[in-house]
Amino acid sequence: RVVLHRHRRSSRFLRIKQIQYQRDHHSGGGPHVALAGIALPNDASVALHRKFGFTDVGIFDQYATKNGGYISSVWMQLRLPPSG
C-alpha cells in the first residue's frame, strides 16, 4: 500500500510538471490546447486537472471494457496562453 501511495504522488508530481512545462514553453506555431483523457471514476485526477484550469469537453460513456466491466472517460482541455 505504501508503494501505491508513493506512485500516486509521483504521478501527480509528473502531471503537474507536464502542465507547467506546456504553459511555459508553448509557442504560437504549435498546438494551443492541452488534452487529458481520464478513466472514470477518478475524482483526484479530475480535481487536479480542474485546479490547473482544464475544463470538461465531454464524456465517452461505457466505450471500452476493463476487468470485465465497461469504463467511461472524461475528456478535458486547457487552452495554452499565446507565446510572447
PDB file of N, CA and C in Angstrom:
ATOM      1  N   ARG A   1       0.818  -1.191   0.000  1.00  0.00           N
ATOM      2  CA  ARG A   1       0.000   0.000   0.000  1.00  0.00           C
ATOM      3  C   ARG A   1       0.863   1.257   0.000  1.00  0.00           C
ATOM      4  N   VAL A   2       1.934   1.268   0.710  1.00  0.00           N
ATOM      5  CA  VAL A   2       2.834   2.427   0.734  1.00  0.00           C
ATOM      6  C   VAL A   2       3.395   2.693  -0.652  1.00  0.00           C
ATOM      7  N   VAL A   3       3.757   1.644  -1.378  1.00  0.00           N
ATOM      8  CA  VAL A   3       4.302   1.804  -2.725  1.00  0.00           C
ATOM      9  C   VAL A   3       3.264   2.454  -3.627  1.00  0.00           C
ATOM     10  N   LEU A   4       2.017   2.013  -3.537  1.00  0.00           N
ATOM     11  CA  LEU A   4       0.947   2.605  -4.343  1.00  0.00           C
ATOM     12  C   LEU A   4       0.782   4.081  -3.998  1.00  0.00           C
ATOM     13  N   HIS A   5       0.827   4.412  -2.720  1.00  0.00           N
ATOM     14  CA  HIS A   5       0.698   5.806  -2.296  1.00  0.00           C
ATOM     15  C   HIS A   5       1.827   6.656  -2.885  1.00  0.00           C
ATOM     16  N   ARG A   6       3.056   6.149  -2.833  1.00  0.00           N
ATOM     17  CA  ARG A   6       4.183   6.879  -3.407  1.00  0.00           C
ATOM     18  C   ARG A   6       4.018   7.015  -4.908  1.00  0.00           C
ATOM     19  N   HIS A   7       3.513   5.976  -5.565  1.00  0.00           N
ATOM     20  CA  HIS A   7       3.303   6.019  -7.009  1.00  0.00           C
ATOM     21  C   HIS A   7       2.300   7.119  -7.355  1.00  0.00           C
ATOM     22  N   ARG A   8       1.248   7.208  -6.594  1.00  0.00           N
ATOM     23  CA  ARG A   8       0.251   8.253  -6.856  1.00  0.00           C
ATOM     24  C   ARG A   8       0.868   9.642  -6.711  1.00  0.00           C
ATOM     25  N   ARG A   9       1.695   9.824  -5.695  1.00  0.00           N
ATOM     26  CA  ARG A   9       2.365  11.111  -5.521  1.00  0.00           C
ATOM     27  C   ARG A   9       3.277  11.411  -6.699  1.00  0.00           C
ATOM     28  N   SER A  10       4.022  10.412  -7.142  1.00  0.00           N
ATOM     29  CA  SER A  10       4.930  10.593  -8.272  1.00  0.00           C
ATOM     30  C   SER A  10       4.157  10.934  -9.534  1.00  0.00           C
ATOM     31  N   SER A  11       3.048  10.241  -9.776  1.00  0.00           N
ATOM     32  CA  SER A  11       2.227  10.517 -10.954  1.00  0.00           C
ATOM     33  C   SER A  11       1.677  11.926 -10.909  1.00  0.00           C
ATOM     34  N   ARG A  12       1.220  12.341  -9.741  1.00  0.00           N
ATOM     35  CA  ARG A  12       0.671  13.697  -9.590  1.00  0.00           C
ATOM     36  C   ARG A  12       1.763  14.732  -9.835  1.00  0.00           C
ATOM     37  N   PHE A  13       2.933  14.499  -9.267  1.00  0.00           N
ATOM     38  CA  PHE A  13       4.044  15.424  -9.440  1.00  0.00           C
ATOM     39  C   PHE A  13       4.420  15.546 -10.913  1.00  0.00           C
ATOM     40  N   LEU A  14       4.521  14.401 -11.596  1.00  0.00           N
ATOM     41  CA  LEU A  14       4.890  14.435 -13.012  1.00  0.00           C
ATOM     42  C   LEU A  14       3.837  15.138 -13.852  1.00  0.00           C
ATOM     43  N   ARG A  15       2.568  14.927 -13.541  1.00  0.00           N
ATOM     44  CA  ARG A  15       1.497  15.592 -14.305  1.00  0.00           C
ATOM     45  C   ARG A  15       1.553  17.098 -14.076  1.00  0.00           C
ATOM     46  N   ILE A  16       1.771  17.531 -12.846  1.00  0.00           N
ATOM     47  CA  ILE A  16       1.886  18.962 -12.550  1.00  0.00           C
ATOM     48  C   ILE A  16       3.041  19.562 -13.343  1.00  0.00           C
ATOM     49  N   LYS A  17       4.185  18.898 -13.348  1.00  0.00           N
ATOM     50  CA  LYS A  17       5.344  19.392 -14.089  1.00  0.00           C
ATOM     51  C   LYS A  17       5.057  19.457 -15.592  1.00  0.00           C
ATOM     52  N   GLN A  18       4.329  18.465 -16.106  1.00  0.00           N
ATOM     53  CA  GLN A  18       4.000  18.455 -17.525  1.00  0.00           C
ATOM     54  C   GLN A  18       3.106  19.640 -17.882  1.00  0.00           C
ATOM     55  N   ILE A  19       2.110  19.917 -17.076  1.00  0.00           N
ATOM     56  CA  ILE A  19       1.215  21.046 -17.329  1.00  0.00           C
ATOM     57  C   ILE A  19       1.987  22.358 -17.250  1.00  0.00           C
ATOM     58  N   GLN A  20       2.841  22.502 -16.242  1.00  0.00           N
ATOM     59  CA  GLN A  20       3.635  23.727 -16.113  1.00  0.00           C
ATOM     60  C   GLN A  20       4.551  23.907 -17.316  1.00  0.00           C
ATOM     61  N   TYR A  21       5.168  22.823 -17.778  1.00  0.00           N
ATOM     62  CA  TYR A  21       6.057  22.901 -18.938  1.00  0.00           C
ATOM     63  C   TYR A  21       5.273  23.341 -20.175  1.00  0.00           C
ATOM     64  N   GLN A  22       4.096  22.760 -20.379  1.00  0.00           N
ATOM     65  CA  GLN A  22       3.291  23.126 -21.542  1.00  0.00           C
ATOM     66  C   GLN A  22       2.926  24.606 -21.507  1.00  0.00           C
ATOM     67  N   ARG A  23       2.597  25.123 -20.351  1.00  0.00           N
ATOM     68  CA  ARG A  23       2.260  26.547 -20.232  1.00  0.00           C
ATOM     69  C   ARG A  23       3.470  27.437 -20.493  1.00  0.00           C
ATOM     70  N   ASP A  24       4.616  27.052 -19.936  1.00  0.00           N
ATOM     71  CA  ASP A  24       5.810  27.892 -20.016  1.00  0.00           C
ATOM     72  C   ASP A  24       6.501  27.840 -21.364  1.00  0.00           C
ATOM     73  N   HIS A  25       6.359  26.746 -22.104  1.00  0.00           N
ATOM     74  CA  HIS A  25       7.104  26.570 -23.350  1.00  0.00           C
ATOM     75  C   HIS A  25       6.217  26.530 -24.584  1.00  0.00           C
ATOM     76  N   HIS A  26       5.003  26.990 -24.447  1.00  0.00           N
ATOM     77  CA  HIS A  26       4.094  26.999 -25.586  1.00  0.00           C
ATOM     78  C   HIS A  26       4.572  28.021 -26.607  1.00  0.00           C
ATOM     79  N   SER A  27       4.642  27.587 -27.855  1.00  0.00           N
ATOM     80  CA  SER A  27       4.990  28.519 -28.926  1.00  0.00           C
ATOM     81  C   SER A  27       3.767  28.712 -29.806  1.00  0.00           C
ATOM     82  N   GLY A  28       3.603  29.910 -30.320  1.00  0.00           N
ATOM     83  CA  GLY A  28       2.423  30.251 -31.109  1.00  0.00           C
ATOM     84  C   GLY A  28       2.203  29.363 -32.319  1.00  0.00           C
ATOM     85  N   GLY A  29       3.256  28.734 -32.857  1.00  0.00           N
ATOM     86  CA  GLY A  29       3.111  27.933 -34.055  1.00  0.00           C
ATOM     87  C   GLY A  29       2.697  26.495 -33.803  1.00  0.00           C
ATOM     88  N   GLY A  30       2.705  26.047 -32.571  1.00  0.00           N
ATOM     89  CA  GLY A  30       2.390  24.654 -32.262  1.00  0.00           C
ATOM     90  C   GLY A  30       0.987  24.506 -31.712  1.00  0.00           C
ATOM     91  N   PRO A  31       0.728  23.358 -31.112  1.00  0.00           N
ATOM     92  CA  PRO A  31      -0.595  23.133 -30.516  1.00  0.00           C
ATOM     93  C   PRO A  31      -0.905  24.194 -29.459  1.00  0.00           C
ATOM     94  N   HIS A  32      -2.152  24.607 -29.403  1.00  0.00           N
ATOM     95  CA  HIS A  32      -2.541  25.625 -28.421  1.00  0.00           C
ATOM     96  C   HIS A  32      -3.545  25.097 -27.407  1.00  0.00           C
ATOM     97  N   VAL A  33      -3.750  23.783 -27.407  1.00  0.00           N
ATOM     98  CA  VAL A  33      -4.666  23.164 -26.457  1.00  0.00           C
ATOM     99  C   VAL A  33      -4.008  21.893 -25.910  1.00  0.00           C
ATOM    100  N   ALA A  34      -3.995  21.759 -24.591  1.00  0.00           N
ATOM    101  CA  ALA A  34      -3.549  20.521 -23.953  1.00  0.00           C
ATOM    102  C   ALA A  34      -4.789  19.680 -23.666  1.00  0.00           C
ATOM    103  N   LEU A  35      -4.720  18.382 -23.938  1.00  0.00           N
ATOM    104  CA  LEU A  35      -5.856  17.490 -23.748  1.00  0.00           C
ATOM    105  C   LEU A  35      -5.551  16.447 -22.688  1.00  0.00           C
ATOM    106  N   ALA A  36      -6.586  16.012 -21.988  1.00  0.00           N
ATOM    107  CA  ALA A  36      -6.451  14.949 -20.993  1.00  0.00           C
ATOM    108  C   ALA A  36      -7.662  14.035 -21.089  1.00  0.00           C
ATOM    109  N   GLY A  37      -7.408  12.742 -21.160  1.00  0.00           N
ATOM    110  CA  GLY A  37      -8.462  11.743 -21.094  1.00  0.00           C
ATOM    111  C   GLY A  37      -8.297  10.970 -19.806  1.00  0.00           C
ATOM    112  N   ILE A  38      -9.327  10.957 -18.972  1.00  0.00           N
ATOM    113  CA  ILE A  38      -9.226  10.358 -17.644  1.00  0.00           C
ATOM    114  C   ILE A  38     -10.304   9.288 -17.482  1.00  0.00           C
ATOM    115  N   ALA A  39      -9.868   8.052 -17.233  1.00  0.00           N
ATOM    116  CA  ALA A  39     -10.818   6.968 -16.992  1.00  0.00           C
ATOM    117  C   ALA A  39     -11.563   7.238 -15.688  1.00  0.00           C
ATOM    118  N   LEU A  40     -12.853   7.016 -15.702  1.00  0.00           N
ATOM    119  CA  LEU A  40     -13.700   7.272 -14.537  1.00  0.00           C
ATOM    120  C   LEU A  40     -14.015   5.974 -13.810  1.00  0.00           C
ATOM    121  N   PRO A  41     -14.228   6.047 -12.501  1.00  0.00           N
ATOM    122  CA  PRO A  41     -14.138   7.235 -11.644  1.00  0.00           C
ATOM    123  C   PRO A  41     -12.686   7.516 -11.236  1.00  0.00           C
ATOM    124  N   ASN A  42     -12.333   8.761 -11.201  1.00  0.00           N
ATOM    125  CA  ASN A  42     -11.003   9.181 -10.747  1.00  0.00           C
ATOM    126  C   ASN A  42     -11.113  10.639 -10.300  1.00  0.00           C
ATOM    127  N   ASP A  43     -11.798  10.849  -9.196  1.00  0.00           N
ATOM    128  CA  ASP A  43     -12.061  12.197  -8.688  1.00  0.00           C
ATOM    129  C   ASP A  43     -10.788  12.995  -8.445  1.00  0.00           C
ATOM    130  N   ALA A  44      -9.741  12.336  -7.967  1.00  0.00           N
ATOM    131  CA  ALA A  44      -8.494  13.046  -7.658  1.00  0.00           C
ATOM    132  C   ALA A  44      -7.860  13.614  -8.927  1.00  0.00           C
ATOM    133  N   SER A  45      -7.817  12.831  -9.996  1.00  0.00           N
ATOM    134  CA  SER A  45      -7.218  13.299 -11.237  1.00  0.00           C
ATOM    135  C   SER A  45      -8.055  14.407 -11.871  1.00  0.00           C
ATOM    136  N   VAL A  46      -9.366  14.249 -11.852  1.00  0.00           N
ATOM    137  CA  VAL A  46     -10.245  15.289 -12.400  1.00  0.00           C
ATOM    138  C   VAL A  46     -10.055  16.588 -11.616  1.00  0.00           C
ATOM    139  N   ALA A  47      -9.987  16.504 -10.285  1.00  0.00           N
ATOM    140  CA  ALA A  47      -9.788  17.697  -9.451  1.00  0.00           C
ATOM    141  C   ALA A  47      -8.442  18.348  -9.729  1.00  0.00           C
ATOM    142  N   LEU A  48      -7.404  17.543  -9.903  1.00  0.00           N
ATOM    143  CA  LEU A  48      -6.079  18.078 -10.197  1.00  0.00           C
ATOM    144  C   LEU A  48      -6.097  18.844 -11.522  1.00  0.00           C
ATOM    145  N   HIS A  49      -6.699  18.268 -12.532  1.00  0.00           N
ATOM    146  CA  HIS A  49      -6.752  18.940 -13.828  1.00  0.00           C
ATOM    147  C   HIS A  49      -7.582  20.230 -13.755  1.00  0.00           C
ATOM    148  N   ARG A  50      -8.686  20.188 -13.046  1.00  0.00           N
ATOM    149  CA  ARG A  50      -9.500  21.409 -12.889  1.00  0.00           C
ATOM    150  C   ARG A  50      -8.718  22.489 -12.151  1.00  0.00           C
ATOM    151  N   LYS A  51      -7.906  22.093 -11.191  1.00  0.00           N
ATOM    152  CA  LYS A  51      -7.093  23.049 -10.443  1.00  0.00           C
ATOM    153  C   LYS A  51      -6.185  23.836 -11.386  1.00  0.00           C
ATOM    154  N   PHE A  52      -5.721  23.180 -12.446  1.00  0.00           N
ATOM    155  CA  PHE A  52      -4.837  23.840 -13.400  1.00  0.00           C
ATOM    156  C   PHE A  52      -5.580  24.494 -14.556  1.00  0.00           C
ATOM    157  N   GLY A  53      -6.893  24.511 -14.494  1.00  0.00           N
ATOM    158  CA  GLY A  53      -7.658  25.239 -15.498  1.00  0.00           C
ATOM    159  C   GLY A  53      -8.267  24.398 -16.604  1.00  0.00           C
ATOM    160  N   PHE A  54      -8.117  23.072 -16.532  1.00  0.00           N
ATOM    161  CA  PHE A  54      -8.749  22.227 -17.537  1.00  0.00           C
ATOM    162  C   PHE A  54     -10.264  22.299 -17.384  1.00  0.00           C
ATOM    163  N   THR A  55     -10.966  22.244 -18.498  1.00  0.00           N
ATOM    164  CA  THR A  55     -12.421  22.227 -18.493  1.00  0.00           C
ATOM    165  C   THR A  55     -12.908  20.964 -19.206  1.00  0.00           C
ATOM    166  N   ASP A  56     -14.100  20.520 -18.838  1.00  0.00           N
ATOM    167  CA  ASP A  56     -14.671  19.319 -19.448  1.00  0.00           C
ATOM    168  C   ASP A  56     -15.040  19.593 -20.901  1.00  0.00           C
ATOM    169  N   VAL A  57     -14.740  18.630 -21.756  1.00  0.00           N
ATOM    170  CA  VAL A  57     -15.136  18.691 -23.150  1.00  0.00           C
ATOM    171  C   VAL A  57     -16.279  17.712 -23.381  1.00  0.00           C
ATOM    172  N   GLY A  58     -16.169  16.528 -22.807  1.00  0.00           N
ATOM    173  CA  GLY A  58     -17.224  15.536 -22.968  1.00  0.00           C
ATOM    174  C   GLY A  58     -16.854  14.237 -22.279  1.00  0.00           C
ATOM    175  N   ILE A  59     -17.786  13.313 -22.329  1.00  0.00           N
ATOM    176  CA  ILE A  59     -17.589  12.002 -21.716  1.00  0.00           C
ATOM    177  C   ILE A  59     -17.853  10.931 -22.759  1.00  0.00           C
ATOM    178  N   PHE A  60     -16.912   9.987 -22.854  1.00  0.00           N
ATOM    179  CA  PHE A  60     -17.151   8.774 -23.618  1.00  0.00           C
ATOM    180  C   PHE A  60     -17.741   7.786 -22.622  1.00  0.00           C
ATOM    181  N   ASP A  61     -19.015   7.463 -22.790  1.00  0.00           N
ATOM    182  CA  ASP A  61     -19.732   6.656 -21.819  1.00  0.00           C
ATOM    183  C   ASP A  61     -19.671   5.176 -22.189  1.00  0.00           C
ATOM    184  N   GLN A  62     -19.120   4.377 -21.301  1.00  0.00           N
ATOM    185  CA  GLN A  62     -19.055   2.920 -21.431  1.00  0.00           C
ATOM    186  C   GLN A  62     -18.570   2.494 -22.821  1.00  0.00           C
ATOM    187  N   TYR A  63     -17.453   3.048 -23.255  1.00  0.00           N
ATOM    188  CA  TYR A  63     -16.946   2.806 -24.604  1.00  0.00           C
ATOM    189  C   TYR A  63     -15.923   1.671 -24.673  1.00  0.00           C
ATOM    190  N   ALA A  64     -15.457   1.180 -23.540  1.00  0.00           N
ATOM    191  CA  ALA A  64     -14.454   0.117 -23.528  1.00  0.00           C
ATOM    192  C   ALA A  64     -14.674  -0.766 -22.309  1.00  0.00           C
ATOM    193  N   THR A  65     -13.980  -1.887 -22.291  1.00  0.00           N
ATOM    194  CA  THR A  65     -14.084  -2.784 -21.142  1.00  0.00           C
ATOM    195  C   THR A  65     -12.742  -2.884 -20.431  1.00  0.00           C
ATOM    196  N   LYS A  66     -12.820  -3.081 -19.141  1.00  0.00           N
ATOM    197  CA  LYS A  66     -11.640  -3.263 -18.306  1.00  0.00           C
ATOM    198  C   LYS A  66     -12.054  -4.142 -17.140  1.00  0.00           C
ATOM    199  N   ASN A  67     -11.300  -5.195 -16.914  1.00  0.00           N
ATOM    200  CA  ASN A  67     -11.602  -6.128 -15.820  1.00  0.00           C
ATOM    201  C   ASN A  67     -13.042  -6.637 -15.880  1.00  0.00           C
ATOM    202  N   GLY A  68     -13.525  -6.872 -17.083  1.00  0.00           N
ATOM    203  CA  GLY A  68     -14.854  -7.447 -17.247  1.00  0.00           C
ATOM    204  C   GLY A  68     -16.009  -6.468 -17.161  1.00  0.00           C
ATOM    205  N   GLY A  69     -15.737  -5.184 -16.990  1.00  0.00           N
ATOM    206  CA  GLY A  69     -16.814  -4.196 -16.918  1.00  0.00           C
ATOM    207  C   GLY A  69     -16.558  -3.039 -17.866  1.00  0.00           C
ATOM    208  N   TYR A  70     -17.591  -2.305 -18.157  1.00  0.00           N
ATOM    209  CA  TYR A  70     -17.453  -1.147 -19.031  1.00  0.00           C
ATOM    210  C   TYR A  70     -16.842   0.026 -18.279  1.00  0.00           C
ATOM    211  N   ILE A  71     -16.046   0.824 -18.988  1.00  0.00           N
ATOM    212  CA  ILE A  71     -15.483   2.037 -18.392  1.00  0.00           C
ATOM    213  C   ILE A  71     -15.879   3.247 -19.230  1.00  0.00           C
ATOM    214  N   SER A  72     -15.892   4.379 -18.576  1.00  0.00           N
ATOM    215  CA  SER A  72     -16.146   5.661 -19.224  1.00  0.00           C
ATOM    216  C   SER A  72     -14.941   6.554 -18.998  1.00  0.00           C
ATOM    217  N   SER A  73     -14.777   7.568 -19.828  1.00  0.00           N
ATOM    218  CA  SER A  73     -13.687   8.531 -19.669  1.00  0.00           C
ATOM    219  C   SER A  73     -14.219   9.938 -19.851  1.00  0.00           C
ATOM    220  N   VAL A  74     -13.680  10.851 -19.063  1.00  0.00           N
ATOM    221  CA  VAL A  74     -13.966  12.265 -19.262  1.00  0.00           C
ATOM    222  C   VAL A  74     -12.800  12.846 -20.063  1.00  0.00           C
ATOM    223  N   TRP A  75     -13.112  13.705 -21.004  1.00  0.00           N
ATOM    224  CA  TRP A  75     -12.092  14.391 -21.789  1.00  0.00           C
ATOM    225  C   TRP A  75     -12.101  15.849 -21.396  1.00  0.00           C
ATOM    226  N   MET A  76     -10.899  16.376 -21.141  1.00  0.00           N
ATOM    227  CA  MET A  76     -10.752  17.746 -20.672  1.00  0.00           C
ATOM    228  C   MET A  76      -9.744  18.471 -21.555  1.00  0.00           C
ATOM    229  N   GLN A  77      -9.828  19.803 -21.555  1.00  0.00           N
ATOM    230  CA  GLN A  77      -8.870  20.592 -22.336  1.00  0.00           C
ATOM    231  C   GLN A  77      -8.422  21.817 -21.558  1.00  0.00           C
ATOM    232  N   LEU A  78      -7.244  22.291 -21.925  1.00  0.00           N
ATOM    233  CA  LEU A  78      -6.678  23.515 -21.352  1.00  0.00           C
ATOM    234  C   LEU A  78      -6.135  24.334 -22.512  1.00  0.00           C
ATOM    235  N   ARG A  79      -6.667  25.505 -22.715  1.00  0.00           N
ATOM    236  CA  ARG A  79      -6.135  26.389 -23.746  1.00  0.00           C
ATOM    237  C   ARG A  79      -4.836  26.994 -23.217  1.00  0.00           C
ATOM    238  N   LEU A  80      -3.773  26.835 -23.995  1.00  0.00           N
ATOM    239  CA  LEU A  80      -2.478  27.349 -23.589  1.00  0.00           C
ATOM    240  C   LEU A  80      -2.378  28.823 -23.954  1.00  0.00           C
ATOM    241  N   PRO A  81      -1.704  29.613 -23.124  1.00  0.00           N
ATOM    242  CA  PRO A  81      -1.603  31.049 -23.411  1.00  0.00           C
ATOM    243  C   PRO A  81      -0.748  31.299 -24.658  1.00  0.00           C
ATOM    244  N   PRO A  82      -1.042  32.364 -25.384  1.00  0.00           N
ATOM    245  CA  PRO A  82      -0.205  32.690 -26.545  1.00  0.00           C
ATOM    246  C   PRO A  82       1.212  32.993 -26.110  1.00  0.00           C
ATOM    247  N   SER A  83       2.154  32.678 -26.976  1.00  0.00           N
ATOM    248  CA  SER A  83       3.549  32.950 -26.651  1.00  0.00           C
ATOM    249  C   SER A  83       3.829  34.446 -26.730  1.00  0.00           C
ATOM    250  N   GLY A  84       4.872  34.843 -26.040  1.00  0.00           N
ATOM    251  CA  GLY A  84       5.285  36.239 -26.114  1.00  0.00           C
ATOM    252  C   GLY A  84       4.841  36.977 -24.980  1.00  0.00           C
TER     253      GLY A  84
END
